[in-house]
């Protein structure tokens, strides 16, 4: 089943703002701004709009990215095949 990233982001932001998730003040401010911007984007006069379709597309693409360095890096295909 495909995840709904927008619903997950909204839930996370609401949980942060109601204190269910403990985070730094900067993260709280970002969550508040996210929710506020979503609400403002419903107004036709607001200069920005939010598209669930486009947001989901970006998140789905981002999930395809892999780490190339550090502890989370995956091995190269050549290295795995030759081992």
C-alpha atoms as a PDB file:
ATOM      1  CA  UNK A   1       0.000   0.000   0.000  1.00  0.00           C
ATOM      2  CA  UNK A   2       1.321   3.431  -0.960  1.00  0.00           C
ATOM      3  CA  UNK A   3       2.026   5.802   1.937  1.00  0.00           C
ATOM      4  CA  UNK A   4       0.320   9.164   2.015  1.00  0.00           C
ATOM      5  CA  UNK A   5       3.277  11.414   2.793  1.00  0.00           C
ATOM      6  CA  UNK A   6       1.163  14.557   3.086  1.00  0.00           C
ATOM      7  CA  UNK A   7      -1.049  13.017   5.766  1.00  0.00           C
ATOM      8  CA  UNK A   8       2.043  11.771   7.606  1.00  0.00           C
ATOM      9  CA  UNK A   9       3.613  15.250   7.472  1.00  0.00           C
ATOM     10  CA  UNK A  10       0.427  16.891   8.746  1.00  0.00           C
ATOM     11  CA  UNK A  11       0.122  14.352  11.572  1.00  0.00           C
ATOM     12  CA  UNK A  12       3.760  14.858  12.553  1.00  0.00           C
ATOM     13  CA  UNK A  13       3.344  18.645  12.610  1.00  0.00           C
ATOM     14  CA  UNK A  14       0.142  18.409  14.684  1.00  0.00           C
ATOM     15  CA  UNK A  15       1.796  15.964  17.113  1.00  0.00           C
ATOM     16  CA  UNK A  16       4.753  18.327  17.511  1.00  0.00           C
ATOM     17  CA  UNK A  17       2.494  21.315  18.117  1.00  0.00           C
ATOM     18  CA  UNK A  18       0.320  19.536  20.688  1.00  0.00           C
ATOM     19  CA  UNK A  19       3.394  18.286  22.570  1.00  0.00           C
ATOM     20  CA  UNK A  20       3.025  14.582  21.741  1.00  0.00           C
ATOM     21  CA  UNK A  21       6.465  14.672  20.110  1.00  0.00           C
ATOM     22  CA  UNK A  22       9.238  16.523  21.917  1.00  0.00           C
ATOM     23  CA  UNK A  23      11.448  18.558  19.574  1.00  0.00           C
ATOM     24  CA  UNK A  24      13.568  21.695  19.529  1.00  0.00           C
ATOM     25  CA  UNK A  25      12.070  25.163  19.262  1.00  0.00           C
ATOM     26  CA  UNK A  26      13.289  25.430  15.665  1.00  0.00           C
ATOM     27  CA  UNK A  27      11.398  22.282  14.683  1.00  0.00           C
ATOM     28  CA  UNK A  28       8.289  23.571  16.477  1.00  0.00           C
ATOM     29  CA  UNK A  29       8.539  26.815  14.522  1.00  0.00           C
ATOM     30  CA  UNK A  30       8.931  24.897  11.246  1.00  0.00           C
ATOM     31  CA  UNK A  31       5.860  22.770  12.030  1.00  0.00           C
ATOM     32  CA  UNK A  32       3.814  25.858  12.910  1.00  0.00           C
ATOM     33  CA  UNK A  33       4.916  27.526   9.660  1.00  0.00           C
ATOM     34  CA  UNK A  34       4.019  24.375   7.693  1.00  0.00           C
ATOM     35  CA  UNK A  35       0.493  24.244   9.122  1.00  0.00           C
ATOM     36  CA  UNK A  36       0.015  28.009   8.737  1.00  0.00           C
ATOM     37  CA  UNK A  37       1.204  27.935   5.123  1.00  0.00           C
ATOM     38  CA  UNK A  38      -1.142  25.049   4.338  1.00  0.00           C
ATOM     39  CA  UNK A  39      -4.064  27.010   5.757  1.00  0.00           C
ATOM     40  CA  UNK A  40      -3.081  30.202   3.915  1.00  0.00           C
ATOM     41  CA  UNK A  41      -2.680  28.305   0.638  1.00  0.00           C
ATOM     42  CA  UNK A  42      -6.441  27.714   0.609  1.00  0.00           C
ATOM     43  CA  UNK A  43      -6.940  31.440  -0.045  1.00  0.00           C
ATOM     44  CA  UNK A  44      -6.916  32.270  -3.758  1.00  0.00           C
ATOM     45  CA  UNK A  45      -5.133  35.549  -3.018  1.00  0.00           C
ATOM     46  CA  UNK A  46      -2.209  33.806  -1.306  1.00  0.00           C
ATOM     47  CA  UNK A  47       0.805  33.851  -3.660  1.00  0.00           C
ATOM     48  CA  UNK A  48       1.597  30.154  -3.138  1.00  0.00           C
ATOM     49  CA  UNK A  49      -0.451  26.998  -3.556  1.00  0.00           C
ATOM     50  CA  UNK A  50      -0.041  23.492  -2.213  1.00  0.00           C
ATOM     51  CA  UNK A  51      -0.555  20.488  -4.437  1.00  0.00           C
ATOM     52  CA  UNK A  52      -0.936  17.123  -2.727  1.00  0.00           C
ATOM     53  CA  UNK A  53      -0.229  15.430  -6.049  1.00  0.00           C
ATOM     54  CA  UNK A  54       3.048  17.267  -6.540  1.00  0.00           C
ATOM     55  CA  UNK A  55       4.121  16.834  -2.916  1.00  0.00           C
ATOM     56  CA  UNK A  56       3.519  13.087  -3.136  1.00  0.00           C
ATOM     57  CA  UNK A  57       5.521  12.944  -6.359  1.00  0.00           C
ATOM     58  CA  UNK A  58       8.514  14.675  -4.743  1.00  0.00           C
ATOM     59  CA  UNK A  59       8.390  12.395  -1.690  1.00  0.00           C
ATOM     60  CA  UNK A  60       8.122   9.259  -3.819  1.00  0.00           C
ATOM     61  CA  UNK A  61      11.147  10.391  -5.849  1.00  0.00           C
ATOM     62  CA  UNK A  62      13.132  11.253  -2.706  1.00  0.00           C
ATOM     63  CA  UNK A  63      12.573   7.732  -1.370  1.00  0.00           C
ATOM     64  CA  UNK A  64      14.516   6.409  -4.368  1.00  0.00           C
ATOM     65  CA  UNK A  65      17.664   8.256  -3.281  1.00  0.00           C
ATOM     66  CA  UNK A  66      20.288   6.300  -1.404  1.00  0.00           C
ATOM     67  CA  UNK A  67      23.159   7.296   0.831  1.00  0.00           C
ATOM     68  CA  UNK A  68      26.528   7.081  -0.907  1.00  0.00           C
ATOM     69  CA  UNK A  69      28.774   7.849   2.058  1.00  0.00           C
ATOM     70  CA  UNK A  70      28.812   7.140   5.743  1.00  0.00           C
ATOM     71  CA  UNK A  71      27.275   4.423   7.887  1.00  0.00           C
ATOM     72  CA  UNK A  72      24.050   4.294   5.857  1.00  0.00           C
ATOM     73  CA  UNK A  73      25.747   3.970   2.474  1.00  0.00           C
ATOM     74  CA  UNK A  74      24.833   0.972   0.390  1.00  0.00           C
ATOM     75  CA  UNK A  75      27.529  -1.050  -1.309  1.00  0.00           C
ATOM     76  CA  UNK A  76      28.102  -0.499  -4.982  1.00  0.00           C
ATOM     77  CA  UNK A  77      26.503  -2.954  -7.388  1.00  0.00           C
ATOM     78  CA  UNK A  78      29.910  -3.877  -8.810  1.00  0.00           C
ATOM     79  CA  UNK A  79      31.323  -4.530  -5.339  1.00  0.00           C
ATOM     80  CA  UNK A  80      28.353  -6.723  -4.379  1.00  0.00           C
ATOM     81  CA  UNK A  81      28.461  -8.680  -7.632  1.00  0.00           C
ATOM     82  CA  UNK A  82      32.215  -9.285  -7.455  1.00  0.00           C
ATOM     83  CA  UNK A  83      32.145 -10.428  -3.820  1.00  0.00           C
END
